[in-house]
Amino acid sequence: MRLIVESVPFSAGIIGAGVDVTWPTPTRPGDILHVESKITDIKISESKPSQGIVFTESRTLNQKGEVRQITRTKLLNFFKA
């Protein structure tokens, strides 16, 4: 979880609004894991432009590049003014 949180920095804080987690392949003893994350969409609130929903996808990979976990999140984000 720490790898995921650190891989997607946000400006003024987030609140989780939904998550979908899948494990396409099992993690094995000795795996060295790293996370690659990307923002897939941002929807700014029309009534509160300092807030919005941020959609992300994070992939946890081992040292061979094999995907061990995929996490898709929907986050309420607070933007700095």
PDB file of N, CA and C in Angstrom:
ATOM      1  N   MET A   1       0.824  -1.183   0.000  1.00  0.00           N
ATOM      2  CA  MET A   1       0.000   0.000   0.000  1.00  0.00           C
ATOM      3  C   MET A   1       0.873   1.255   0.000  1.00  0.00           C
ATOM      4  N   ARG A   2       1.947   1.228   0.780  1.00  0.00           N
ATOM      5  CA  ARG A   2       2.833   2.391   0.813  1.00  0.00           C
ATOM      6  C   ARG A   2       3.381   2.713  -0.576  1.00  0.00           C
ATOM      7  N   LEU A   3       3.751   1.689  -1.346  1.00  0.00           N
ATOM      8  CA  LEU A   3       4.264   1.913  -2.697  1.00  0.00           C
ATOM      9  C   LEU A   3       3.225   2.618  -3.562  1.00  0.00           C
ATOM     10  N   ILE A   4       1.975   2.222  -3.432  1.00  0.00           N
ATOM     11  CA  ILE A   4       0.912   2.838  -4.225  1.00  0.00           C
ATOM     12  C   ILE A   4       0.711   4.288  -3.819  1.00  0.00           C
ATOM     13  N   VAL A   5       0.601   4.550  -2.524  1.00  0.00           N
ATOM     14  CA  VAL A   5       0.374   5.911  -2.035  1.00  0.00           C
ATOM     15  C   VAL A   5       1.522   6.831  -2.450  1.00  0.00           C
ATOM     16  N   GLU A   6       2.753   6.361  -2.326  1.00  0.00           N
ATOM     17  CA  GLU A   6       3.903   7.189  -2.686  1.00  0.00           C
ATOM     18  C   GLU A   6       4.053   7.377  -4.192  1.00  0.00           C
ATOM     19  N   SER A   7       3.448   6.500  -4.987  1.00  0.00           N
ATOM     20  CA  SER A   7       3.620   6.605  -6.434  1.00  0.00           C
ATOM     21  C   SER A   7       2.681   7.624  -7.073  1.00  0.00           C
ATOM     22  N   VAL A   8       1.669   8.085  -6.339  1.00  0.00           N
ATOM     23  CA  VAL A   8       0.720   9.073  -6.882  1.00  0.00           C
ATOM     24  C   VAL A   8       0.614  10.240  -5.903  1.00  0.00           C
ATOM     25  N   PRO A   9       1.536  11.217  -5.996  1.00  0.00           N
ATOM     26  CA  PRO A   9       1.479  12.356  -5.065  1.00  0.00           C
ATOM     27  C   PRO A   9       0.342  13.309  -5.410  1.00  0.00           C
ATOM     28  N   PHE A  10      -0.346  13.789  -4.394  1.00  0.00           N
ATOM     29  CA  PHE A  10      -1.425  14.751  -4.592  1.00  0.00           C
ATOM     30  C   PHE A  10      -1.143  15.995  -3.779  1.00  0.00           C
ATOM     31  N   SER A  11      -1.682  17.119  -4.245  1.00  0.00           N
ATOM     32  CA  SER A  11      -1.321  18.424  -3.711  1.00  0.00           C
ATOM     33  C   SER A  11      -1.815  18.680  -2.296  1.00  0.00           C
ATOM     34  N   ALA A  12      -3.102  18.516  -2.049  1.00  0.00           N
ATOM     35  CA  ALA A  12      -3.634  18.951  -0.752  1.00  0.00           C
ATOM     36  C   ALA A  12      -4.448  17.872  -0.041  1.00  0.00           C
ATOM     37  N   GLY A  13      -4.352  16.653  -0.464  1.00  0.00           N
ATOM     38  CA  GLY A  13      -5.035  15.572   0.216  1.00  0.00           C
ATOM     39  C   GLY A  13      -6.062  14.861  -0.648  1.00  0.00           C
ATOM     40  N   ILE A  14      -6.381  13.631  -0.238  1.00  0.00           N
ATOM     41  CA  ILE A  14      -7.333  12.810  -0.975  1.00  0.00           C
ATOM     42  C   ILE A  14      -8.227  12.044  -0.006  1.00  0.00           C
ATOM     43  N   ILE A  15      -9.383  11.651  -0.507  1.00  0.00           N
ATOM     44  CA  ILE A  15     -10.283  10.747   0.206  1.00  0.00           C
ATOM     45  C   ILE A  15     -10.667   9.665  -0.795  1.00  0.00           C
ATOM     46  N   GLY A  16     -10.530   8.411  -0.409  1.00  0.00           N
ATOM     47  CA  GLY A  16     -10.903   7.314  -1.291  1.00  0.00           C
ATOM     48  C   GLY A  16     -12.394   7.314  -1.571  1.00  0.00           C
ATOM     49  N   ALA A  17     -12.760   7.109  -2.852  1.00  0.00           N
ATOM     50  CA  ALA A  17     -14.169   7.087  -3.242  1.00  0.00           C
ATOM     51  C   ALA A  17     -14.516   5.802  -3.986  1.00  0.00           C
ATOM     52  N   GLY A  18     -13.563   4.899  -4.092  1.00  0.00           N
ATOM     53  CA  GLY A  18     -13.811   3.620  -4.754  1.00  0.00           C
ATOM     54  C   GLY A  18     -12.506   2.989  -5.189  1.00  0.00           C
ATOM     55  N   VAL A  19     -12.480   1.655  -5.177  1.00  0.00           N
ATOM     56  CA  VAL A  19     -11.270   0.939  -5.586  1.00  0.00           C
ATOM     57  C   VAL A  19     -11.653  -0.412  -6.173  1.00  0.00           C
ATOM     58  N   ASP A  20     -10.871  -0.824  -7.174  1.00  0.00           N
ATOM     59  CA  ASP A  20     -11.006  -2.141  -7.779  1.00  0.00           C
ATOM     60  C   ASP A  20      -9.604  -2.732  -7.809  1.00  0.00           C
ATOM     61  N   VAL A  21      -9.409  -3.869  -7.150  1.00  0.00           N
ATOM     62  CA  VAL A  21      -8.092  -4.493  -7.058  1.00  0.00           C
ATOM     63  C   VAL A  21      -8.162  -5.891  -7.669  1.00  0.00           C
ATOM     64  N   THR A  22      -7.205  -6.190  -8.546  1.00  0.00           N
ATOM     65  CA  THR A  22      -7.092  -7.539  -9.092  1.00  0.00           C
ATOM     66  C   THR A  22      -5.648  -8.018  -8.953  1.00  0.00           C
ATOM     67  N   TRP A  23      -5.493  -9.327  -8.862  1.00  0.00           N
ATOM     68  CA  TRP A  23      -4.188  -9.965  -8.760  1.00  0.00           C
ATOM     69  C   TRP A  23      -4.054 -10.945  -9.922  1.00  0.00           C
ATOM     70  N   PRO A  24      -3.515 -10.494 -11.083  1.00  0.00           N
ATOM     71  CA  PRO A  24      -3.428 -11.378 -12.245  1.00  0.00           C
ATOM     72  C   PRO A  24      -2.476 -12.557 -12.051  1.00  0.00           C
ATOM     73  N   THR A  25      -1.422 -12.361 -11.249  1.00  0.00           N
ATOM     74  CA  THR A  25      -0.477 -13.447 -10.962  1.00  0.00           C
ATOM     75  C   THR A  25      -0.042 -13.332  -9.509  1.00  0.00           C
ATOM     76  N   PRO A  26       0.309 -14.449  -8.876  1.00  0.00           N
ATOM     77  CA  PRO A  26       0.681 -14.387  -7.463  1.00  0.00           C
ATOM     78  C   PRO A  26       2.076 -13.798  -7.247  1.00  0.00           C
ATOM     79  N   THR A  27       2.228 -13.082  -6.132  1.00  0.00           N
ATOM     80  CA  THR A  27       3.547 -12.629  -5.702  1.00  0.00           C
ATOM     81  C   THR A  27       4.292 -13.829  -5.135  1.00  0.00           C
ATOM     82  N   ARG A  28       5.550 -13.956  -5.479  1.00  0.00           N
ATOM     83  CA  ARG A  28       6.371 -15.098  -5.059  1.00  0.00           C
ATOM     84  C   ARG A  28       7.435 -14.655  -4.062  1.00  0.00           C
ATOM     85  N   PRO A  29       7.882 -15.561  -3.187  1.00  0.00           N
ATOM     86  CA  PRO A  29       8.992 -15.217  -2.293  1.00  0.00           C
ATOM     87  C   PRO A  29      10.195 -14.756  -3.127  1.00  0.00           C
ATOM     88  N   GLY A  30      10.817 -13.687  -2.690  1.00  0.00           N
ATOM     89  CA  GLY A  30      11.980 -13.147  -3.393  1.00  0.00           C
ATOM     90  C   GLY A  30      11.635 -12.096  -4.436  1.00  0.00           C
ATOM     91  N   ASP A  31      10.340 -11.913  -4.732  1.00  0.00           N
ATOM     92  CA  ASP A  31       9.960 -10.860  -5.678  1.00  0.00           C
ATOM     93  C   ASP A  31      10.380  -9.491  -5.137  1.00  0.00           C
ATOM     94  N   ILE A  32      10.918  -8.663  -6.008  1.00  0.00           N
ATOM     95  CA  ILE A  32      11.217  -7.271  -5.689  1.00  0.00           C
ATOM     96  C   ILE A  32      10.169  -6.453  -6.430  1.00  0.00           C
ATOM     97  N   LEU A  33       9.329  -5.766  -5.674  1.00  0.00           N
ATOM     98  CA  LEU A  33       8.175  -5.095  -6.260  1.00  0.00           C
ATOM     99  C   LEU A  33       8.382  -3.599  -6.420  1.00  0.00           C
ATOM    100  N   HIS A  34       7.787  -3.058  -7.477  1.00  0.00           N
ATOM    101  CA  HIS A  34       7.712  -1.612  -7.649  1.00  0.00           C
ATOM    102  C   HIS A  34       6.358  -1.284  -8.275  1.00  0.00           C
ATOM    103  N   VAL A  35       5.930  -0.049  -8.121  1.00  0.00           N
ATOM    104  CA  VAL A  35       4.611   0.365  -8.586  1.00  0.00           C
ATOM    105  C   VAL A  35       4.759   1.459  -9.634  1.00  0.00           C
ATOM    106  N   GLU A  36       3.999   1.326 -10.708  1.00  0.00           N
ATOM    107  CA  GLU A  36       3.893   2.359 -11.731  1.00  0.00           C
ATOM    108  C   GLU A  36       2.447   2.835 -11.735  1.00  0.00           C
ATOM    109  N   SER A  37       2.248   4.126 -11.573  1.00  0.00           N
ATOM    110  CA  SER A  37       0.897   4.682 -11.505  1.00  0.00           C
ATOM    111  C   SER A  37       0.705   5.759 -12.551  1.00  0.00           C
ATOM    112  N   LYS A  38      -0.541   5.886 -12.988  1.00  0.00           N
ATOM    113  CA  LYS A  38      -0.878   6.963 -13.907  1.00  0.00           C
ATOM    114  C   LYS A  38      -2.272   7.475 -13.580  1.00  0.00           C
ATOM    115  N   ILE A  39      -2.462   8.747 -13.829  1.00  0.00           N
ATOM    116  CA  ILE A  39      -3.781   9.353 -13.702  1.00  0.00           C
ATOM    117  C   ILE A  39      -4.471   9.133 -15.033  1.00  0.00           C
ATOM    118  N   THR A  40      -5.647   8.496 -15.002  1.00  0.00           N
ATOM    119  CA  THR A  40      -6.351   8.192 -16.245  1.00  0.00           C
ATOM    120  C   THR A  40      -7.421   9.215 -16.590  1.00  0.00           C
ATOM    121  N   ASP A  41      -7.902   9.967 -15.582  1.00  0.00           N
ATOM    122  CA  ASP A  41      -8.917  10.983 -15.851  1.00  0.00           C
ATOM    123  C   ASP A  41      -9.036  11.903 -14.639  1.00  0.00           C
ATOM    124  N   ILE A  42      -9.452  13.137 -14.882  1.00  0.00           N
ATOM    125  CA  ILE A  42      -9.730  14.096 -13.806  1.00  0.00           C
ATOM    126  C   ILE A  42     -11.039  14.787 -14.148  1.00  0.00           C
ATOM    127  N   LYS A  43     -11.952  14.803 -13.199  1.00  0.00           N
ATOM    128  CA  LYS A  43     -13.228  15.503 -13.371  1.00  0.00           C
ATOM    129  C   LYS A  43     -13.331  16.556 -12.274  1.00  0.00           C
ATOM    130  N   ILE A  44     -13.196  17.819 -12.641  1.00  0.00           N
ATOM    131  CA  ILE A  44     -13.276  18.934 -11.701  1.00  0.00           C
ATOM    132  C   ILE A  44     -14.739  19.185 -11.354  1.00  0.00           C
ATOM    133  N   SER A  45     -15.015  19.405 -10.084  1.00  0.00           N
ATOM    134  CA  SER A  45     -16.369  19.722  -9.641  1.00  0.00           C
ATOM    135  C   SER A  45     -16.782  21.088 -10.180  1.00  0.00           C
ATOM    136  N   GLU A  46     -17.968  21.175 -10.768  1.00  0.00           N
ATOM    137  CA  GLU A  46     -18.461  22.459 -11.265  1.00  0.00           C
ATOM    138  C   GLU A  46     -18.836  23.391 -10.116  1.00  0.00           C
ATOM    139  N   SER A  47     -19.372  22.826  -9.035  1.00  0.00           N
ATOM    140  CA  SER A  47     -19.806  23.661  -7.913  1.00  0.00           C
ATOM    141  C   SER A  47     -18.667  23.991  -6.945  1.00  0.00           C
ATOM    142  N   LYS A  48     -17.640  23.146  -6.905  1.00  0.00           N
ATOM    143  CA  LYS A  48     -16.485  23.375  -6.025  1.00  0.00           C
ATOM    144  C   LYS A  48     -15.216  23.143  -6.833  1.00  0.00           C
ATOM    145  N   PRO A  49     -14.742  24.149  -7.568  1.00  0.00           N
ATOM    146  CA  PRO A  49     -13.581  23.951  -8.447  1.00  0.00           C
ATOM    147  C   PRO A  49     -12.278  23.626  -7.724  1.00  0.00           C
ATOM    148  N   SER A  50     -12.249  23.732  -6.405  1.00  0.00           N
ATOM    149  CA  SER A  50     -11.052  23.328  -5.655  1.00  0.00           C
ATOM    150  C   SER A  50     -11.071  21.832  -5.348  1.00  0.00           C
ATOM    151  N   GLN A  51     -12.115  21.133  -5.823  1.00  0.00           N
ATOM    152  CA  GLN A  51     -12.234  19.695  -5.610  1.00  0.00           C
ATOM    153  C   GLN A  51     -12.516  18.997  -6.935  1.00  0.00           C
ATOM    154  N   GLY A  52     -12.193  17.742  -6.980  1.00  0.00           N
ATOM    155  CA  GLY A  52     -12.488  16.962  -8.169  1.00  0.00           C
ATOM    156  C   GLY A  52     -12.259  15.491  -7.911  1.00  0.00           C
ATOM    157  N   ILE A  53     -12.703  14.674  -8.851  1.00  0.00           N
ATOM    158  CA  ILE A  53     -12.479  13.237  -8.781  1.00  0.00           C
ATOM    159  C   ILE A  53     -11.305  12.907  -9.698  1.00  0.00           C
ATOM    160  N   VAL A  54     -10.337  12.199  -9.152  1.00  0.00           N
ATOM    161  CA  VAL A  54      -9.160  11.767  -9.905  1.00  0.00           C
ATOM    162  C   VAL A  54      -9.213  10.249 -10.017  1.00  0.00           C
ATOM    163  N   PHE A  55      -9.086   9.753 -11.242  1.00  0.00           N
ATOM    164  CA  PHE A  55      -9.089   8.319 -11.497  1.00  0.00           C
ATOM    165  C   PHE A  55      -7.647   7.887 -11.768  1.00  0.00           C
ATOM    166  N   THR A  56      -7.197   6.834 -11.090  1.00  0.00           N
ATOM    167  CA  THR A  56      -5.825   6.355 -11.268  1.00  0.00           C
ATOM    168  C   THR A  56      -5.801   4.865 -11.558  1.00  0.00           C
ATOM    169  N   GLU A  57      -4.704   4.436 -12.147  1.00  0.00           N
ATOM    170  CA  GLU A  57      -4.435   3.010 -12.299  1.00  0.00           C
ATOM    171  C   GLU A  57      -3.002   2.766 -11.853  1.00  0.00           C
ATOM    172  N   SER A  58      -2.828   1.834 -10.941  1.00  0.00           N
ATOM    173  CA  SER A  58      -1.495   1.479 -10.447  1.00  0.00           C
ATOM    174  C   SER A  58      -1.244   0.009 -10.748  1.00  0.00           C
ATOM    175  N   ARG A  59      -0.059  -0.267 -11.242  1.00  0.00           N
ATOM    176  CA  ARG A  59       0.353  -1.648 -11.513  1.00  0.00           C
ATOM    177  C   ARG A  59       1.563  -1.971 -10.654  1.00  0.00           C
ATOM    178  N   THR A  60       1.456  -3.037  -9.901  1.00  0.00           N
ATOM    179  CA  THR A  60       2.577  -3.530  -9.112  1.00  0.00           C
ATOM    180  C   THR A  60       3.269  -4.610  -9.931  1.00  0.00           C
ATOM    181  N   LEU A  61       4.558  -4.399 -10.193  1.00  0.00           N
ATOM    182  CA  LEU A  61       5.331  -5.327 -11.017  1.00  0.00           C
ATOM    183  C   LEU A  61       6.494  -5.899 -10.223  1.00  0.00           C
ATOM    184  N   ASN A  62       6.922  -7.085 -10.611  1.00  0.00           N
ATOM    185  CA  ASN A  62       8.111  -7.656  -9.985  1.00  0.00           C
ATOM    186  C   ASN A  62       9.345  -7.303 -10.809  1.00  0.00           C
ATOM    187  N   GLN A  63      10.482  -7.826 -10.428  1.00  0.00           N
ATOM    188  CA  GLN A  63      11.758  -7.504 -11.071  1.00  0.00           C
ATOM    189  C   GLN A  63      11.813  -7.941 -12.535  1.00  0.00           C
ATOM    190  N   LYS A  64      10.939  -8.850 -12.941  1.00  0.00           N
ATOM    191  CA  LYS A  64      10.898  -9.312 -14.334  1.00  0.00           C
ATOM    192  C   LYS A  64       9.861  -8.550 -15.161  1.00  0.00           C
ATOM    193  N   GLY A  65       9.187  -7.589 -14.540  1.00  0.00           N
ATOM    194  CA  GLY A  65       8.165  -6.838 -15.243  1.00  0.00           C
ATOM    195  C   GLY A  65       6.816  -7.535 -15.283  1.00  0.00           C
ATOM    196  N   GLU A  66       6.655  -8.606 -14.518  1.00  0.00           N
ATOM    197  CA  GLU A  66       5.386  -9.333 -14.473  1.00  0.00           C
ATOM    198  C   GLU A  66       4.414  -8.592 -13.554  1.00  0.00           C
ATOM    199  N   VAL A  67       3.194  -8.368 -14.037  1.00  0.00           N
ATOM    200  CA  VAL A  67       2.191  -7.641 -13.258  1.00  0.00           C
ATOM    201  C   VAL A  67       1.665  -8.557 -12.158  1.00  0.00           C
ATOM    202  N   ARG A  68       1.802  -8.103 -10.924  1.00  0.00           N
ATOM    203  CA  ARG A  68       1.333  -8.874  -9.765  1.00  0.00           C
ATOM    204  C   ARG A  68       0.003  -8.342  -9.242  1.00  0.00           C
ATOM    205  N   GLN A  69      -0.228  -7.027  -9.386  1.00  0.00           N
ATOM    206  CA  GLN A  69      -1.466  -6.429  -8.887  1.00  0.00           C
ATOM    207  C   GLN A  69      -1.824  -5.230  -9.761  1.00  0.00           C
ATOM    208  N   ILE A  70      -3.133  -5.054  -9.989  1.00  0.00           N
ATOM    209  CA  ILE A  70      -3.636  -3.868 -10.674  1.00  0.00           C
ATOM    210  C   ILE A  70      -4.674  -3.232  -9.757  1.00  0.00           C
ATOM    211  N   THR A  71      -4.501  -1.944  -9.482  1.00  0.00           N
ATOM    212  CA  THR A  71      -5.426  -1.207  -8.627  1.00  0.00           C
ATOM    213  C   THR A  71      -5.955  -0.009  -9.399  1.00  0.00           C
ATOM    214  N   ARG A  72      -7.273   0.067  -9.515  1.00  0.00           N
ATOM    215  CA  ARG A  72      -7.917   1.234 -10.144  1.00  0.00           C
ATOM    216  C   ARG A  72      -8.683   1.961  -9.047  1.00  0.00           C
ATOM    217  N   THR A  73      -8.398   3.254  -8.894  1.00  0.00           N
ATOM    218  CA  THR A  73      -9.020   4.020  -7.814  1.00  0.00           C
ATOM    219  C   THR A  73      -9.770   5.231  -8.333  1.00  0.00           C
ATOM    220  N   LYS A  74     -10.726   5.628  -7.536  1.00  0.00           N
ATOM    221  CA  LYS A  74     -11.469   6.868  -7.742  1.00  0.00           C
ATOM    222  C   LYS A  74     -11.273   7.650  -6.451  1.00  0.00           C
ATOM    223  N   LEU A  75     -10.669   8.839  -6.555  1.00  0.00           N
ATOM    224  CA  LEU A  75     -10.267   9.609  -5.380  1.00  0.00           C
ATOM    225  C   LEU A  75     -10.858  11.010  -5.420  1.00  0.00           C
ATOM    226  N   LEU A  76     -11.410  11.439  -4.292  1.00  0.00           N
ATOM    227  CA  LEU A  76     -11.803  12.838  -4.159  1.00  0.00           C
ATOM    228  C   LEU A  76     -10.535  13.593  -3.810  1.00  0.00           C
ATOM    229  N   ASN A  77     -10.156  14.535  -4.663  1.00  0.00           N
ATOM    230  CA  ASN A  77      -8.913  15.268  -4.491  1.00  0.00           C
ATOM    231  C   ASN A  77      -9.215  16.733  -4.153  1.00  0.00           C
ATOM    232  N   PHE A  78      -8.403  17.288  -3.270  1.00  0.00           N
ATOM    233  CA  PHE A  78      -8.499  18.694  -2.894  1.00  0.00           C
ATOM    234  C   PHE A  78      -7.312  19.413  -3.505  1.00  0.00           C
ATOM    235  N   PHE A  79      -7.573  20.344  -4.421  1.00  0.00           N
ATOM    236  CA  PHE A  79      -6.512  21.063  -5.113  1.00  0.00           C
ATOM    237  C   PHE A  79      -6.144  22.316  -4.317  1.00  0.00           C
ATOM    238  N   LYS A  80      -4.873  22.665  -4.363  1.00  0.00           N
ATOM    239  CA  LYS A  80      -4.436  23.908  -3.721  1.00  0.00           C
ATOM    240  C   LYS A  80      -4.984  25.094  -4.494  1.00  0.00           C
ATOM    241  N   ALA A  81      -5.375  26.107  -3.764  1.00  0.00           N
ATOM    242  CA  ALA A  81      -5.921  27.302  -4.420  1.00  0.00           C
ATOM    243  C   ALA A  81      -4.808  28.163  -4.986  1.00  0.00           C
TER     244      ALA A  81
END
